[in-house]
């Protein structure tokens, strides 16, 4: 993600480190949810502790990046966009911690016939992150790659919306109690929101790409 000058390239390196910490959060929540859905609650709790540590690392990188912005990295035209992008980007890690906390503290009831559906939703909602990382890496090199990756992210997000809808329908058609249905609905919405956040980041990256060519 080579950008403008030395200060900006230092920020770019920090953004890549930030992305690595967020990736670890996503990889770990996949393991944690998989463990939960297959009945391994002890492993799920262990994964939550790992996510808390990775999310803390991501917060440290976010603060370092924002400090560099305060110190004058980027022209004012771009600085606010980078600042808000980093905040939004970091929210992906925050969401994984929120989901892990729900699993460990609330233990939502998941019918056996929903396990495969939820695992599929999990796989699809985190999948676009690799496209976002590539868009970030190519931001200062190839605008066409950024736009192409944004289209892929949007495609994933639409797919996740469809999967989420069908799962919620199955939940409310089930024999679960209303409280269990509402708890499971919230869990599904939070899980699906990972792809929403990734798409929001992608949208902001597109805005930044446009500004860079003004």
Protein backbone atom coordinates (compact mmCIF):
# COMPACT_ATOMS: atom_id res chain seq x y z
CA UNK A 1 0.00 0.00 0.00
CA UNK A 2 2.58 2.59 -1.11
CA UNK A 3 1.15 6.07 -0.56
CA UNK A 4 2.49 9.56 -1.25
CA UNK A 5 5.64 9.74 0.94
CA UNK A 6 7.70 8.38 3.85
CA UNK A 7 5.20 9.19 6.61
CA UNK A 8 2.35 7.73 4.61
CA UNK A 9 4.32 4.57 3.85
CA UNK A 10 4.98 4.13 7.58
CA UNK A 11 1.23 4.36 8.17
CA UNK A 12 0.68 1.85 5.37
CA UNK A 13 2.98 -0.63 7.10
CA UNK A 14 1.03 -0.16 10.34
CA UNK A 15 -2.25 -0.71 8.48
CA UNK A 16 -0.94 -4.03 7.18
CA UNK A 17 0.00 -5.03 10.74
CA UNK A 18 -3.45 -3.93 11.88
CA UNK A 19 -4.99 -6.11 9.15
CA UNK A 20 -2.96 -9.10 10.36
CA UNK A 21 -4.34 -8.72 13.90
CA UNK A 22 -7.90 -8.49 12.56
CA UNK A 23 -7.27 -11.57 10.42
CA UNK A 24 -6.24 -13.47 13.57
CA UNK A 25 -9.51 -12.40 15.22
CA UNK A 26 -11.48 -13.74 12.26
CA UNK A 27 -9.53 -17.00 12.07
CA UNK A 28 -10.04 -17.53 15.78
CA UNK A 29 -13.77 -16.77 15.80
CA UNK A 30 -14.18 -19.37 13.04
CA UNK A 31 -12.48 -21.93 15.27
CA UNK A 32 -14.48 -20.80 18.31
CA UNK A 33 -17.89 -20.94 16.64
CA UNK A 34 -17.06 -24.28 15.03
CA UNK A 35 -16.10 -25.62 18.47
CA UNK A 36 -19.31 -24.25 20.00
CA UNK A 37 -21.55 -25.73 17.31
CA UNK A 38 -19.89 -29.14 17.69
CA UNK A 39 -20.28 -29.09 21.48
CA UNK A 40 -16.69 -28.27 22.50
CA UNK A 41 -17.46 -25.46 24.94
CA UNK A 42 -14.05 -25.56 26.65
CA UNK A 43 -12.27 -24.93 23.35
CA UNK A 44 -14.74 -22.14 22.64
CA UNK A 45 -13.83 -20.41 25.91
CA UNK A 46 -10.13 -20.77 25.09
CA UNK A 47 -10.72 -19.22 21.68
CA UNK A 48 -12.49 -16.28 23.32
CA UNK A 49 -9.38 -15.54 25.38
CA UNK A 50 -7.28 -15.59 22.21
CA UNK A 51 -9.68 -13.21 20.46
CA UNK A 52 -9.50 -10.76 23.36
CA UNK A 53 -5.70 -10.74 23.01
CA UNK A 54 -5.77 -10.30 19.22
CA UNK A 55 -8.43 -7.59 19.46
CA UNK A 56 -6.22 -5.75 21.96
CA UNK A 57 -3.32 -5.94 19.50
CA UNK A 58 -5.58 -4.50 16.82
CA UNK A 59 -6.54 -1.63 19.15
CA UNK A 60 -2.87 -0.83 19.75
CA UNK A 61 -2.22 -0.66 16.01
CA UNK A 62 -5.33 1.52 15.51
CA UNK A 63 -4.07 4.00 18.10
CA UNK A 64 -0.58 4.04 16.55
CA UNK A 65 -2.03 4.79 13.12
CA UNK A 66 -4.28 7.54 14.43
CA UNK A 67 -1.34 9.08 16.33
CA UNK A 68 0.63 9.24 13.08
CA UNK A 69 -2.33 11.00 11.49
CA UNK A 70 -2.35 13.56 14.31
CA UNK A 71 1.36 14.06 13.64
CA UNK A 72 0.66 15.05 10.03
CA UNK A 73 0.67 11.94 7.89
CA UNK A 74 -1.44 12.47 4.74
CA UNK A 75 -2.74 15.71 3.33
CA UNK A 76 -5.88 17.09 5.05
CA UNK A 77 -7.93 16.03 2.01
CA UNK A 78 -7.24 12.36 2.82
CA UNK A 79 -6.49 12.40 6.55
CA UNK A 80 -10.07 12.30 7.83
CA UNK A 81 -10.94 9.43 5.47
CA UNK A 82 -7.96 7.38 6.64
CA UNK A 83 -8.86 8.10 10.28
CA UNK A 84 -12.46 6.97 9.89
CA UNK A 85 -11.45 4.02 7.73
CA UNK A 86 -9.17 2.72 10.49
CA UNK A 87 -11.95 3.09 13.07
CA UNK A 88 -14.34 1.15 10.84
CA UNK A 89 -11.70 -1.43 9.98
CA UNK A 90 -11.04 -2.02 13.68
CA UNK A 91 -14.75 -2.63 14.29
CA UNK A 92 -14.38 -5.98 12.49
CA UNK A 93 -12.14 -7.16 15.33
CA UNK A 94 -14.55 -5.67 17.89
CA UNK A 95 -17.42 -7.65 16.39
CA UNK A 96 -15.56 -10.96 16.71
CA UNK A 97 -15.05 -10.26 20.42
CA UNK A 98 -18.74 -9.41 20.83
CA UNK A 99 -19.74 -12.71 19.22
CA UNK A 100 -17.26 -14.70 21.34
CA UNK A 101 -18.66 -13.09 24.49
CA UNK A 102 -22.20 -14.08 23.52
CA UNK A 103 -21.19 -17.69 22.96
CA UNK A 104 -19.36 -17.98 26.28
CA UNK A 105 -21.73 -15.95 28.46
CA UNK A 106 -25.16 -16.59 26.92
CA UNK A 107 -24.74 -19.96 25.19
CA UNK A 108 -27.56 -19.61 22.63
CA UNK A 109 -29.48 -22.81 21.91
CA UNK A 110 -28.76 -24.08 18.39
CA UNK A 111 -30.95 -26.87 16.95
CA UNK A 112 -28.98 -29.64 15.27
CA UNK A 113 -30.60 -28.96 11.90
CA UNK A 114 -29.20 -25.40 11.93
CA UNK A 115 -25.56 -26.31 12.58
CA UNK A 116 -24.57 -26.75 8.94
CA UNK A 117 -26.43 -23.59 7.95
CA UNK A 118 -24.59 -21.56 10.59
CA UNK A 119 -21.22 -23.02 9.60
CA UNK A 120 -21.93 -22.03 5.99
CA UNK A 121 -22.92 -18.52 7.08
CA UNK A 122 -19.74 -18.31 9.13
CA UNK A 123 -17.56 -19.30 6.18
CA UNK A 124 -19.20 -16.83 3.79
CA UNK A 125 -19.32 -13.86 6.16
CA UNK A 126 -15.55 -13.90 6.85
CA UNK A 127 -14.53 -14.83 3.27
CA UNK A 128 -14.57 -11.28 1.81
CA UNK A 129 -11.93 -10.09 4.28
CA UNK A 130 -9.17 -11.50 2.04
CA UNK A 131 -10.50 -9.32 -0.80
CA UNK A 132 -10.49 -6.28 1.48
CA UNK A 133 -6.87 -6.93 2.49
CA UNK A 134 -5.85 -7.21 -1.12
CA UNK A 135 -7.65 -3.96 -1.96
CA UNK A 136 -5.78 -2.25 0.88
CA UNK A 137 -2.43 -3.60 -0.30
CA UNK A 138 -3.10 -2.50 -3.88
CA UNK A 139 -4.63 0.85 -2.97
CA UNK A 140 -1.68 2.96 -4.02
CA UNK A 141 -0.69 0.72 -6.90
CA UNK A 142 -3.71 -0.23 -8.97
CA UNK A 143 -7.08 1.48 -8.68
CA UNK A 144 -8.69 -1.16 -10.91
CA UNK A 145 -7.82 -3.88 -8.40
CA UNK A 146 -9.47 -1.88 -5.61
CA UNK A 147 -12.67 -1.57 -7.63
CA UNK A 148 -12.62 -5.24 -8.66
CA UNK A 149 -12.16 -6.39 -5.08
CA UNK A 150 -14.99 -4.08 -3.98
CA UNK A 151 -17.28 -5.83 -6.44
CA UNK A 152 -16.29 -9.24 -5.03
CA UNK A 153 -16.96 -8.03 -1.50
CA UNK A 154 -20.38 -6.78 -2.53
CA UNK A 155 -21.15 -10.16 -4.11
CA UNK A 156 -20.28 -11.95 -0.88
CA UNK A 157 -22.38 -9.55 1.16
CA UNK A 158 -25.46 -10.23 -0.99
CA UNK A 159 -24.90 -13.96 -0.60
CA UNK A 160 -24.63 -13.59 3.16
CA UNK A 161 -27.89 -11.63 3.23
CA UNK A 162 -29.64 -14.52 1.47
CA UNK A 163 -28.18 -17.14 3.81
CA UNK A 164 -29.07 -15.04 6.84
CA UNK A 165 -32.67 -14.67 5.66
CA UNK A 166 -33.15 -18.42 5.23
CA UNK A 167 -31.63 -19.18 8.63
CA UNK A 168 -33.86 -16.65 10.36
CA UNK A 169 -36.88 -18.16 8.62
CA UNK A 170 -35.92 -21.63 9.86
CA UNK A 171 -35.41 -20.26 13.36
CA UNK A 172 -38.89 -18.75 13.55
CA UNK A 173 -40.49 -21.81 11.94
CA UNK A 174 -38.90 -24.03 14.60
CA UNK A 175 -40.30 -25.25 17.92
CA UNK A 176 -37.90 -23.18 19.98
CA UNK A 177 -39.35 -20.88 22.60
CA UNK A 178 -39.76 -17.22 21.66
CA UNK A 179 -36.86 -16.26 23.94
CA UNK A 180 -34.62 -18.85 22.27
CA UNK A 181 -35.68 -17.64 18.83
CA UNK A 182 -34.90 -14.03 19.67
CA UNK A 183 -31.53 -14.96 21.17
CA UNK A 184 -30.59 -17.02 18.13
CA UNK A 185 -31.79 -14.29 15.75
CA UNK A 186 -29.48 -11.78 17.45
CA UNK A 187 -26.58 -14.19 17.16
CA UNK A 188 -27.25 -14.74 13.44
CA UNK A 189 -27.50 -10.99 12.80
CA UNK A 190 -24.23 -10.32 14.61
CA UNK A 191 -22.49 -13.08 12.69
CA UNK A 192 -23.77 -11.84 9.34
CA UNK A 193 -22.81 -8.27 10.23
CA UNK A 194 -19.13 -9.14 9.79
CA UNK A 195 -19.59 -9.08 6.02
CA UNK A 196 -21.57 -5.82 6.37
CA UNK A 197 -18.64 -4.19 8.15
CA UNK A 198 -16.21 -5.48 5.55
CA UNK A 199 -18.39 -4.02 2.81
CA UNK A 200 -18.56 -0.68 4.66
CA UNK A 201 -14.75 -0.65 4.77
CA UNK A 202 -14.64 -1.44 1.07
CA UNK A 203 -17.05 1.40 0.29
CA UNK A 204 -14.87 3.85 2.19
CA UNK A 205 -11.77 2.56 0.43
CA UNK A 206 -13.48 3.29 -2.90
CA UNK A 207 -14.14 6.87 -1.77
CA UNK A 208 -10.48 7.23 -0.82
CA UNK A 209 -9.43 5.83 -4.21
CA UNK A 210 -11.57 8.43 -5.95
CA UNK A 211 -10.13 11.27 -3.84
CA UNK A 212 -6.61 10.08 -4.60
CA UNK A 213 -7.24 10.69 -8.29
CA UNK A 214 -8.73 14.18 -7.87
